[in-house]
Amino acid sequence: MIFDIFTFNKKAQRRSHLKNLIAIAMVDGTFGFKEYRLIYAKAFQLGFTKADIRAIKANPSLIEFKAPKKYEERMKQAYDLVNMMIVDKKIMSKEVALCKTLAFKLNLFPKVIDDLVHHFTVQKDNKISMVIADRHR
């Protein structure tokens, strides 16, 4: 019985994480090929199907936010969120704001998002535009 509750909670955390990744992908108004590809790869890694992705995308309000208890798992989620934000090589202010909000909900300092963006730009030889652009101003 306790194992079932633990398993259910872990699945709820993974579902919440997938919902957050989809939200980051959609916040700029477009859901490009690279974002789809990353969503599908992460979803399958988390144990979800294409049907699960469609259901979460269609009804995100049905998915409750569930933060992992372990710091390492929360940081992995923040890392995934930033990876989703930069996959199209454009960093939009709406994406940064949402990532920082989600970091706070994950009980992380929002500055961790800036640190992760810096990490990605250093790792990727500065090929990511650091200009925060808004198409819809």
C-alpha atoms as a PDB file:
ATOM      1  CA  MET A   1       0.000   0.000   0.000  1.00  0.00           C
ATOM      2  CA  ILE A   2       2.759   2.490   0.907  1.00  0.00           C
ATOM      3  CA  PHE A   3       4.633   1.524  -2.275  1.00  0.00           C
ATOM      4  CA  ASP A   4       1.508   2.324  -4.338  1.00  0.00           C
ATOM      5  CA  ILE A   5       1.275   5.791  -2.792  1.00  0.00           C
ATOM      6  CA  PHE A   6       4.980   6.400  -3.435  1.00  0.00           C
ATOM      7  CA  THR A   7       4.636   5.258  -7.065  1.00  0.00           C
ATOM      8  CA  PHE A   8       1.531   7.404  -7.564  1.00  0.00           C
ATOM      9  CA  ASN A   9       3.310  10.475  -6.147  1.00  0.00           C
ATOM     10  CA  LYS A  10       6.356   9.949  -8.401  1.00  0.00           C
ATOM     11  CA  LYS A  11       4.104   9.662 -11.470  1.00  0.00           C
ATOM     12  CA  ALA A  12       2.266  12.843 -10.421  1.00  0.00           C
ATOM     13  CA  GLN A  13       5.630  14.639 -10.132  1.00  0.00           C
ATOM     14  CA  ARG A  14       6.648  13.447 -13.604  1.00  0.00           C
ATOM     15  CA  ARG A  15       3.275  14.486 -15.053  1.00  0.00           C
ATOM     16  CA  SER A  16       3.624  17.913 -13.421  1.00  0.00           C
ATOM     17  CA  HIS A  17       7.123  18.273 -14.875  1.00  0.00           C
ATOM     18  CA  LEU A  18       5.897  17.394 -18.363  1.00  0.00           C
ATOM     19  CA  LYS A  19       3.090  19.940 -18.007  1.00  0.00           C
ATOM     20  CA  ASN A  20       5.674  22.592 -17.053  1.00  0.00           C
ATOM     21  CA  LEU A  21       7.857  21.739 -20.036  1.00  0.00           C
ATOM     22  CA  ILE A  22       4.857  22.055 -22.353  1.00  0.00           C
ATOM     23  CA  ALA A  23       4.002  25.407 -20.757  1.00  0.00           C
ATOM     24  CA  ILE A  24       7.531  26.707 -21.426  1.00  0.00           C
ATOM     25  CA  ALA A  25       7.340  25.475 -25.018  1.00  0.00           C
ATOM     26  CA  MET A  26       4.012  27.228 -25.581  1.00  0.00           C
ATOM     27  CA  VAL A  27       4.540  30.490 -23.684  1.00  0.00           C
ATOM     28  CA  ASP A  28       6.063  32.303 -26.661  1.00  0.00           C
ATOM     29  CA  GLY A  29       3.049  31.503 -28.833  1.00  0.00           C
ATOM     30  CA  THR A  30       4.790  28.939 -31.019  1.00  0.00           C
ATOM     31  CA  PHE A  31       5.477  25.260 -30.588  1.00  0.00           C
ATOM     32  CA  GLY A  32       8.291  24.564 -33.007  1.00  0.00           C
ATOM     33  CA  PHE A  33       9.801  21.329 -34.262  1.00  0.00           C
ATOM     34  CA  LYS A  34      12.750  21.414 -31.837  1.00  0.00           C
ATOM     35  CA  GLU A  35      10.383  21.974 -28.922  1.00  0.00           C
ATOM     36  CA  TYR A  36       8.162  19.077 -30.044  1.00  0.00           C
ATOM     37  CA  ARG A  37      11.178  16.851 -30.407  1.00  0.00           C
ATOM     38  CA  LEU A  38      12.432  17.710 -26.915  1.00  0.00           C
ATOM     39  CA  ILE A  39       8.954  17.289 -25.374  1.00  0.00           C
ATOM     40  CA  TYR A  40       8.546  13.849 -26.942  1.00  0.00           C
ATOM     41  CA  ALA A  41      12.033  12.725 -25.915  1.00  0.00           C
ATOM     42  CA  LYS A  42      11.519  13.860 -22.324  1.00  0.00           C
ATOM     43  CA  ALA A  43       7.978  12.440 -22.185  1.00  0.00           C
ATOM     44  CA  PHE A  44       9.160   9.006 -23.301  1.00  0.00           C
ATOM     45  CA  GLN A  45      12.051   9.181 -20.819  1.00  0.00           C
ATOM     46  CA  LEU A  46       9.496   9.922 -18.082  1.00  0.00           C
ATOM     47  CA  GLY A  47       7.318   6.993 -19.174  1.00  0.00           C
ATOM     48  CA  PHE A  48       4.575   8.873 -21.040  1.00  0.00           C
ATOM     49  CA  THR A  49       3.031   8.228 -24.448  1.00  0.00           C
ATOM     50  CA  LYS A  50       1.987  10.539 -27.288  1.00  0.00           C
ATOM     51  CA  ALA A  51      -1.585  10.255 -26.013  1.00  0.00           C
ATOM     52  CA  ASP A  52      -0.434  11.405 -22.562  1.00  0.00           C
ATOM     53  CA  ILE A  53       1.289  14.421 -24.120  1.00  0.00           C
ATOM     54  CA  ARG A  54      -1.862  15.353 -26.054  1.00  0.00           C
ATOM     55  CA  ALA A  55      -4.008  14.975 -22.927  1.00  0.00           C
ATOM     56  CA  ILE A  56      -1.702  17.148 -20.817  1.00  0.00           C
ATOM     57  CA  LYS A  57      -1.446  19.771 -23.561  1.00  0.00           C
ATOM     58  CA  ALA A  58      -5.238  19.826 -24.021  1.00  0.00           C
ATOM     59  CA  ASN A  59      -6.060  20.022 -20.291  1.00  0.00           C
ATOM     60  CA  PRO A  60      -3.102  21.442 -18.333  1.00  0.00           C
ATOM     61  CA  SER A  61      -5.360  22.762 -15.575  1.00  0.00           C
ATOM     62  CA  LEU A  62      -6.161  19.166 -14.588  1.00  0.00           C
ATOM     63  CA  ILE A  63      -2.523  18.537 -13.636  1.00  0.00           C
ATOM     64  CA  GLU A  64      -1.594  19.629 -10.132  1.00  0.00           C
ATOM     65  CA  PHE A  65       1.868  21.078  -9.540  1.00  0.00           C
ATOM     66  CA  LYS A  66       4.000  18.555  -7.646  1.00  0.00           C
ATOM     67  CA  ALA A  67       7.567  19.437  -6.699  1.00  0.00           C
ATOM     68  CA  PRO A  68      10.048  16.672  -5.941  1.00  0.00           C
ATOM     69  CA  LYS A  69      11.287  16.563  -2.372  1.00  0.00           C
ATOM     70  CA  LYS A  70      14.952  15.998  -3.220  1.00  0.00           C
ATOM     71  CA  TYR A  71      17.032  19.035  -4.174  1.00  0.00           C
ATOM     72  CA  GLU A  72      18.802  17.121  -6.966  1.00  0.00           C
ATOM     73  CA  GLU A  73      15.495  16.232  -8.611  1.00  0.00           C
ATOM     74  CA  ARG A  74      14.259  19.828  -8.376  1.00  0.00           C
ATOM     75  CA  MET A  75      17.498  21.027  -9.999  1.00  0.00           C
ATOM     76  CA  LYS A  76      17.118  18.445 -12.779  1.00  0.00           C
ATOM     77  CA  GLN A  77      13.659  19.826 -13.468  1.00  0.00           C
ATOM     78  CA  ALA A  78      15.014  23.401 -13.565  1.00  0.00           C
ATOM     79  CA  TYR A  79      17.730  22.202 -15.962  1.00  0.00           C
ATOM     80  CA  ASP A  80      15.080  20.647 -18.225  1.00  0.00           C
ATOM     81  CA  LEU A  81      13.005  23.845 -18.134  1.00  0.00           C
ATOM     82  CA  VAL A  82      15.973  25.972 -19.219  1.00  0.00           C
ATOM     83  CA  ASN A  83      16.871  23.434 -21.883  1.00  0.00           C
ATOM     84  CA  MET A  84      13.320  23.758 -23.244  1.00  0.00           C
ATOM     85  CA  MET A  85      13.535  27.547 -23.105  1.00  0.00           C
ATOM     86  CA  ILE A  86      16.727  27.705 -25.166  1.00  0.00           C
ATOM     87  CA  VAL A  87      16.116  24.839 -27.600  1.00  0.00           C
ATOM     88  CA  ASP A  88      14.998  27.282 -30.313  1.00  0.00           C
ATOM     89  CA  LYS A  89      18.064  29.488 -29.681  1.00  0.00           C
ATOM     90  CA  LYS A  90      15.848  32.430 -28.663  1.00  0.00           C
ATOM     91  CA  ILE A  91      15.235  33.463 -25.105  1.00  0.00           C
ATOM     92  CA  MET A  92      11.975  35.339 -24.679  1.00  0.00           C
ATOM     93  CA  SER A  93      11.251  37.382 -21.560  1.00  0.00           C
ATOM     94  CA  LYS A  94       7.979  35.453 -21.070  1.00  0.00           C
ATOM     95  CA  GLU A  95       9.934  32.186 -21.028  1.00  0.00           C
ATOM     96  CA  VAL A  96      12.423  33.534 -18.493  1.00  0.00           C
ATOM     97  CA  ALA A  97       9.606  34.819 -16.269  1.00  0.00           C
ATOM     98  CA  LEU A  98       7.792  31.474 -16.374  1.00  0.00           C
ATOM     99  CA  CYS A  99      11.005  29.529 -15.702  1.00  0.00           C
ATOM    100  CA  LYS A 100      11.720  31.732 -12.670  1.00  0.00           C
ATOM    101  CA  THR A 101       8.153  31.301 -11.402  1.00  0.00           C
ATOM    102  CA  LEU A 102       8.458  27.538 -11.743  1.00  0.00           C
ATOM    103  CA  ALA A 103      11.884  27.576 -10.063  1.00  0.00           C
ATOM    104  CA  PHE A 104      10.328  29.402  -7.111  1.00  0.00           C
ATOM    105  CA  LYS A 105       7.521  26.821  -6.978  1.00  0.00           C
ATOM    106  CA  LEU A 106      10.220  24.133  -6.997  1.00  0.00           C
ATOM    107  CA  ASN A 107      11.609  25.801  -3.866  1.00  0.00           C
ATOM    108  CA  LEU A 108      14.671  27.059  -5.748  1.00  0.00           C
ATOM    109  CA  PHE A 109      15.985  30.584  -5.969  1.00  0.00           C
ATOM    110  CA  PRO A 110      14.828  32.101  -9.295  1.00  0.00           C
ATOM    111  CA  LYS A 111      18.447  33.157  -9.934  1.00  0.00           C
ATOM    112  CA  VAL A 112      19.203  29.497 -10.605  1.00  0.00           C
ATOM    113  CA  ILE A 113      17.549  30.043 -14.003  1.00  0.00           C
ATOM    114  CA  ASP A 114      20.077  32.779 -14.876  1.00  0.00           C
ATOM    115  CA  ASP A 115      22.901  30.505 -13.736  1.00  0.00           C
ATOM    116  CA  LEU A 116      21.630  27.623 -15.868  1.00  0.00           C
ATOM    117  CA  VAL A 117      21.241  29.866 -18.932  1.00  0.00           C
ATOM    118  CA  HIS A 118      24.835  30.984 -18.418  1.00  0.00           C
ATOM    119  CA  HIS A 119      25.891  27.336 -18.064  1.00  0.00           C
ATOM    120  CA  PHE A 120      24.187  26.443 -21.349  1.00  0.00           C
ATOM    121  CA  THR A 121      25.722  29.384 -23.212  1.00  0.00           C
ATOM    122  CA  VAL A 122      29.210  28.482 -21.997  1.00  0.00           C
ATOM    123  CA  GLN A 123      28.687  24.794 -22.833  1.00  0.00           C
ATOM    124  CA  LYS A 124      27.310  25.588 -26.282  1.00  0.00           C
ATOM    125  CA  ASP A 125      30.097  28.044 -27.233  1.00  0.00           C
ATOM    126  CA  ASN A 126      27.804  31.076 -26.945  1.00  0.00           C
ATOM    127  CA  LYS A 127      25.650  30.006 -29.905  1.00  0.00           C
ATOM    128  CA  ILE A 128      22.499  30.964 -28.006  1.00  0.00           C
ATOM    129  CA  SER A 129      21.330  34.518 -28.418  1.00  0.00           C
ATOM    130  CA  MET A 130      21.415  36.131 -25.003  1.00  0.00           C
ATOM    131  CA  VAL A 131      19.261  38.966 -26.229  1.00  0.00           C
ATOM    132  CA  ILE A 132      15.907  38.681 -24.583  1.00  0.00           C
ATOM    133  CA  ALA A 133      13.550  39.471 -27.414  1.00  0.00           C
ATOM    134  CA  ASP A 134       9.820  39.993 -27.391  1.00  0.00           C
ATOM    135  CA  ARG A 135       7.923  39.615 -30.618  1.00  0.00           C
ATOM    136  CA  HIS A 136       4.621  40.668 -29.058  1.00  0.00           C
ATOM    137  CA  ARG A 137       5.451  43.997 -27.403  1.00  0.00           C
END
